[in-house]
Amino acid sequence: MNDPVPALGSIIRNSRGSNCSWNDSKWLPHFLRHEVERGIAYRLQERAWGGLPIDLCRELDGRATISVPGQKPEKTGPRLRLKPGNRLVRRWRGTTYSVLVTEGGFLFESRSYSSLSTIATEITGTRWSGPRFFGLTERAA
């Protein structure tokens, strides 16, 4: 199999027309050009040899951070992965509540629900994020 990355320059030139060169600073600022090149090179490699395994992609997504200039980076946190049979337990105002994760959603007090937030709202009497109520996500600092 041929290495697709060395052909990157000609692919970009051909896609932009014969009158433009990849080094034309009017098309893209210099510091972004390298990021675009890296992104295109990755996609070419991904098409030729396949991408990362899905479980590794999920792990990387869970470790990602959101960065805003002048602010502390915000961790996106791992994605919620509940499996059928998991039990979520929460003590609220002296009463312990238990929710069973099922194939189609959640089972709480012998009733099926599609949303943890609906269950949390029913327990508290006020609107809550279900994942936050059951301790599945961290509270923002």
C-alpha atoms as a PDB file:
ATOM      1  CA  MET A   1       0.000   0.000   0.000  1.00  0.00           C
ATOM      2  CA  ASN A   2       1.331   3.443  -0.896  1.00  0.00           C
ATOM      3  CA  ASP A   3       1.924   6.022   1.798  1.00  0.00           C
ATOM      4  CA  PRO A   4      -0.772   8.705   1.234  1.00  0.00           C
ATOM      5  CA  VAL A   5       0.873  11.462   3.298  1.00  0.00           C
ATOM      6  CA  PRO A   6       3.681  12.514   0.904  1.00  0.00           C
ATOM      7  CA  ALA A   7       1.030  13.274  -1.717  1.00  0.00           C
ATOM      8  CA  LEU A   8      -0.643  15.739   0.655  1.00  0.00           C
ATOM      9  CA  GLY A   9       0.816  18.862  -0.972  1.00  0.00           C
ATOM     10  CA  SER A  10      -0.363  17.914  -4.458  1.00  0.00           C
ATOM     11  CA  ILE A  11      -3.831  16.970  -3.178  1.00  0.00           C
ATOM     12  CA  ILE A  12      -4.246  20.368  -1.534  1.00  0.00           C
ATOM     13  CA  ARG A  13      -2.910  22.251  -4.573  1.00  0.00           C
ATOM     14  CA  ASN A  14      -5.193  20.334  -6.941  1.00  0.00           C
ATOM     15  CA  SER A  15      -8.235  20.924  -4.743  1.00  0.00           C
ATOM     16  CA  ARG A  16      -7.600  24.695  -4.638  1.00  0.00           C
ATOM     17  CA  GLY A  17      -6.921  25.250  -8.315  1.00  0.00           C
ATOM     18  CA  SER A  18      -3.778  25.775 -10.325  1.00  0.00           C
ATOM     19  CA  ASN A  19      -3.433  29.506  -9.605  1.00  0.00           C
ATOM     20  CA  CYS A  20      -3.002  29.077  -5.852  1.00  0.00           C
ATOM     21  CA  SER A  21      -0.137  27.623  -3.873  1.00  0.00           C
ATOM     22  CA  TRP A  22      -0.387  26.003  -0.455  1.00  0.00           C
ATOM     23  CA  ASN A  23       1.955  28.660   0.914  1.00  0.00           C
ATOM     24  CA  ASP A  24      -0.426  31.477  -0.051  1.00  0.00           C
ATOM     25  CA  SER A  25      -0.806  33.284   3.304  1.00  0.00           C
ATOM     26  CA  LYS A  26      -4.097  34.866   2.233  1.00  0.00           C
ATOM     27  CA  TRP A  27      -5.759  31.452   2.191  1.00  0.00           C
ATOM     28  CA  LEU A  28      -4.921  30.405   5.755  1.00  0.00           C
ATOM     29  CA  PRO A  29      -2.780  31.891   8.541  1.00  0.00           C
ATOM     30  CA  HIS A  30       0.590  30.168   8.928  1.00  0.00           C
ATOM     31  CA  PHE A  31      -0.091  28.755  12.398  1.00  0.00           C
ATOM     32  CA  LEU A  32      -3.364  27.180  11.254  1.00  0.00           C
ATOM     33  CA  ARG A  33      -1.894  25.749   8.067  1.00  0.00           C
ATOM     34  CA  HIS A  34       0.131  23.203  10.035  1.00  0.00           C
ATOM     35  CA  GLU A  35      -2.956  22.109  11.971  1.00  0.00           C
ATOM     36  CA  VAL A  36      -4.905  21.673   8.731  1.00  0.00           C
ATOM     37  CA  GLU A  37      -2.023  19.676   7.225  1.00  0.00           C
ATOM     38  CA  ARG A  38      -1.907  17.404  10.273  1.00  0.00           C
ATOM     39  CA  GLY A  39      -5.670  16.890  10.202  1.00  0.00           C
ATOM     40  CA  ILE A  40      -5.711  16.035   6.513  1.00  0.00           C
ATOM     41  CA  ALA A  41      -2.695  13.733   6.905  1.00  0.00           C
ATOM     42  CA  TYR A  42      -4.446  11.903   9.745  1.00  0.00           C
ATOM     43  CA  ARG A  43      -7.606  11.431   7.671  1.00  0.00           C
ATOM     44  CA  LEU A  44      -5.585  10.112   4.726  1.00  0.00           C
ATOM     45  CA  GLN A  45      -3.838   7.620   6.998  1.00  0.00           C
ATOM     46  CA  GLU A  46      -7.135   6.679   8.594  1.00  0.00           C
ATOM     47  CA  ARG A  47      -8.659   5.933   5.190  1.00  0.00           C
ATOM     48  CA  ALA A  48      -5.629   3.910   4.088  1.00  0.00           C
ATOM     49  CA  TRP A  49      -4.971   1.899   7.255  1.00  0.00           C
ATOM     50  CA  GLY A  50      -8.046   2.315   9.437  1.00  0.00           C
ATOM     51  CA  GLY A  51      -8.724   4.530  12.425  1.00  0.00           C
ATOM     52  CA  LEU A  52      -8.286   4.111  16.146  1.00  0.00           C
ATOM     53  CA  PRO A  53     -10.312   1.445  17.948  1.00  0.00           C
ATOM     54  CA  ILE A  54     -13.660   2.811  19.190  1.00  0.00           C
ATOM     55  CA  ASP A  55     -12.859   2.083  22.851  1.00  0.00           C
ATOM     56  CA  LEU A  56      -9.650   4.119  22.578  1.00  0.00           C
ATOM     57  CA  CYS A  57     -11.575   6.989  20.940  1.00  0.00           C
ATOM     58  CA  ARG A  58     -14.034   6.990  23.847  1.00  0.00           C
ATOM     59  CA  GLU A  59     -11.177   6.972  26.356  1.00  0.00           C
ATOM     60  CA  LEU A  60      -9.516   9.920  24.621  1.00  0.00           C
ATOM     61  CA  ASP A  61     -12.821  11.822  24.500  1.00  0.00           C
ATOM     62  CA  GLY A  62     -13.161  11.264  28.232  1.00  0.00           C
ATOM     63  CA  ARG A  63      -9.753  12.802  28.865  1.00  0.00           C
ATOM     64  CA  ALA A  64     -10.308  15.818  26.628  1.00  0.00           C
ATOM     65  CA  THR A  65     -10.426  19.355  27.977  1.00  0.00           C
ATOM     66  CA  ILE A  66     -12.179  22.450  26.715  1.00  0.00           C
ATOM     67  CA  SER A  67      -9.876  25.441  26.667  1.00  0.00           C
ATOM     68  CA  VAL A  68     -10.991  29.068  26.534  1.00  0.00           C
ATOM     69  CA  PRO A  69      -8.286  31.775  26.415  1.00  0.00           C
ATOM     70  CA  GLY A  70      -7.924  33.477  29.788  1.00  0.00           C
ATOM     71  CA  GLN A  71      -9.860  30.774  31.673  1.00  0.00           C
ATOM     72  CA  LYS A  72      -8.886  27.561  33.426  1.00  0.00           C
ATOM     73  CA  PRO A  73      -9.355  24.553  31.092  1.00  0.00           C
ATOM     74  CA  GLU A  74     -12.561  22.634  31.753  1.00  0.00           C
ATOM     75  CA  LYS A  75     -12.382  18.842  31.776  1.00  0.00           C
ATOM     76  CA  THR A  76     -15.171  17.301  29.744  1.00  0.00           C
ATOM     77  CA  GLY A  77     -15.142  14.159  31.876  1.00  0.00           C
ATOM     78  CA  PRO A  78     -15.708  10.580  30.884  1.00  0.00           C
ATOM     79  CA  ARG A  79     -18.853   9.687  29.042  1.00  0.00           C
ATOM     80  CA  LEU A  80     -21.607   8.031  30.989  1.00  0.00           C
ATOM     81  CA  ARG A  81     -21.382   4.251  30.564  1.00  0.00           C
ATOM     82  CA  LEU A  82     -24.053   2.401  32.483  1.00  0.00           C
ATOM     83  CA  LYS A  83     -24.709  -1.257  31.790  1.00  0.00           C
ATOM     84  CA  PRO A  84     -27.977  -3.099  32.367  1.00  0.00           C
ATOM     85  CA  GLY A  85     -27.945  -4.522  35.868  1.00  0.00           C
ATOM     86  CA  ASN A  86     -26.066  -1.576  37.418  1.00  0.00           C
ATOM     87  CA  ARG A  87     -27.787  -0.165  40.480  1.00  0.00           C
ATOM     88  CA  LEU A  88     -27.638   3.527  41.374  1.00  0.00           C
ATOM     89  CA  VAL A  89     -28.230   4.379  45.020  1.00  0.00           C
ATOM     90  CA  ARG A  90     -28.789   7.836  46.501  1.00  0.00           C
ATOM     91  CA  ARG A  91     -29.734   8.921  49.992  1.00  0.00           C
ATOM     92  CA  TRP A  92     -31.980  12.006  49.970  1.00  0.00           C
ATOM     93  CA  ARG A  93     -33.407  13.603  53.109  1.00  0.00           C
ATOM     94  CA  GLY A  94     -33.114  10.450  55.171  1.00  0.00           C
ATOM     95  CA  THR A  95     -34.516   8.076  52.552  1.00  0.00           C
ATOM     96  CA  THR A  96     -32.412   5.754  50.384  1.00  0.00           C
ATOM     97  CA  TYR A  97     -33.480   5.498  46.750  1.00  0.00           C
ATOM     98  CA  SER A  98     -32.368   2.764  44.352  1.00  0.00           C
ATOM     99  CA  VAL A  99     -32.558   2.781  40.560  1.00  0.00           C
ATOM    100  CA  LEU A 100     -31.842  -0.251  38.382  1.00  0.00           C
ATOM    101  CA  VAL A 101     -30.318   0.263  34.924  1.00  0.00           C
ATOM    102  CA  THR A 102     -32.196  -1.759  32.276  1.00  0.00           C
ATOM    103  CA  GLU A 103     -31.757  -2.303  28.515  1.00  0.00           C
ATOM    104  CA  GLY A 104     -34.319   0.389  27.715  1.00  0.00           C
ATOM    105  CA  GLY A 105     -33.621   2.883  30.500  1.00  0.00           C
ATOM    106  CA  PHE A 106     -34.154   2.742  34.250  1.00  0.00           C
ATOM    107  CA  LEU A 107     -36.440   1.010  36.743  1.00  0.00           C
ATOM    108  CA  PHE A 108     -37.490   2.999  39.811  1.00  0.00           C
ATOM    109  CA  GLU A 109     -40.211   1.929  42.235  1.00  0.00           C
ATOM    110  CA  SER A 110     -41.501  -0.714  39.772  1.00  0.00           C
ATOM    111  CA  ARG A 111     -41.885   1.843  36.955  1.00  0.00           C
ATOM    112  CA  SER A 112     -39.775   2.255  33.815  1.00  0.00           C
ATOM    113  CA  TYR A 113     -38.160   5.585  32.964  1.00  0.00           C
ATOM    114  CA  SER A 114     -36.085   6.668  29.992  1.00  0.00           C
ATOM    115  CA  SER A 115     -34.349   9.482  31.883  1.00  0.00           C
ATOM    116  CA  LEU A 116     -32.460   9.727  35.176  1.00  0.00           C
ATOM    117  CA  SER A 117     -33.428  13.388  35.352  1.00  0.00           C
ATOM    118  CA  THR A 118     -37.111  12.469  35.489  1.00  0.00           C
ATOM    119  CA  ILE A 119     -36.394  10.156  38.416  1.00  0.00           C
ATOM    120  CA  ALA A 120     -34.316  12.795  40.222  1.00  0.00           C
ATOM    121  CA  THR A 121     -37.090  15.348  39.745  1.00  0.00           C
ATOM    122  CA  GLU A 122     -39.656  12.916  41.114  1.00  0.00           C
ATOM    123  CA  ILE A 123     -37.511  12.231  44.182  1.00  0.00           C
ATOM    124  CA  THR A 124     -36.663  15.861  44.968  1.00  0.00           C
ATOM    125  CA  GLY A 125     -39.766  17.662  43.745  1.00  0.00           C
ATOM    126  CA  THR A 126     -37.560  20.080  41.803  1.00  0.00           C
ATOM    127  CA  ARG A 127     -35.645  19.919  38.518  1.00  0.00           C
ATOM    128  CA  TRP A 128     -32.312  18.114  38.768  1.00  0.00           C
ATOM    129  CA  SER A 129     -29.715  16.719  36.420  1.00  0.00           C
ATOM    130  CA  GLY A 130     -30.172  12.985  36.904  1.00  0.00           C
ATOM    131  CA  PRO A 131     -26.505  12.059  36.359  1.00  0.00           C
ATOM    132  CA  ARG A 132     -25.437  14.772  38.815  1.00  0.00           C
ATOM    133  CA  PHE A 133     -28.080  13.763  41.379  1.00  0.00           C
ATOM    134  CA  PHE A 134     -26.857  10.158  41.344  1.00  0.00           C
ATOM    135  CA  GLY A 135     -23.202  11.210  41.504  1.00  0.00           C
ATOM    136  CA  LEU A 136     -22.248  10.231  37.956  1.00  0.00           C
ATOM    137  CA  THR A 137     -20.827  13.657  37.070  1.00  0.00           C
ATOM    138  CA  GLU A 138     -18.823  16.162  39.070  1.00  0.00           C
ATOM    139  CA  ARG A 139     -20.187  19.545  39.961  1.00  0.00           C
ATOM    140  CA  ALA A 140     -18.581  22.457  38.117  1.00  0.00           C
ATOM    141  CA  ALA A 141     -16.102  24.410  40.261  1.00  0.00           C
END
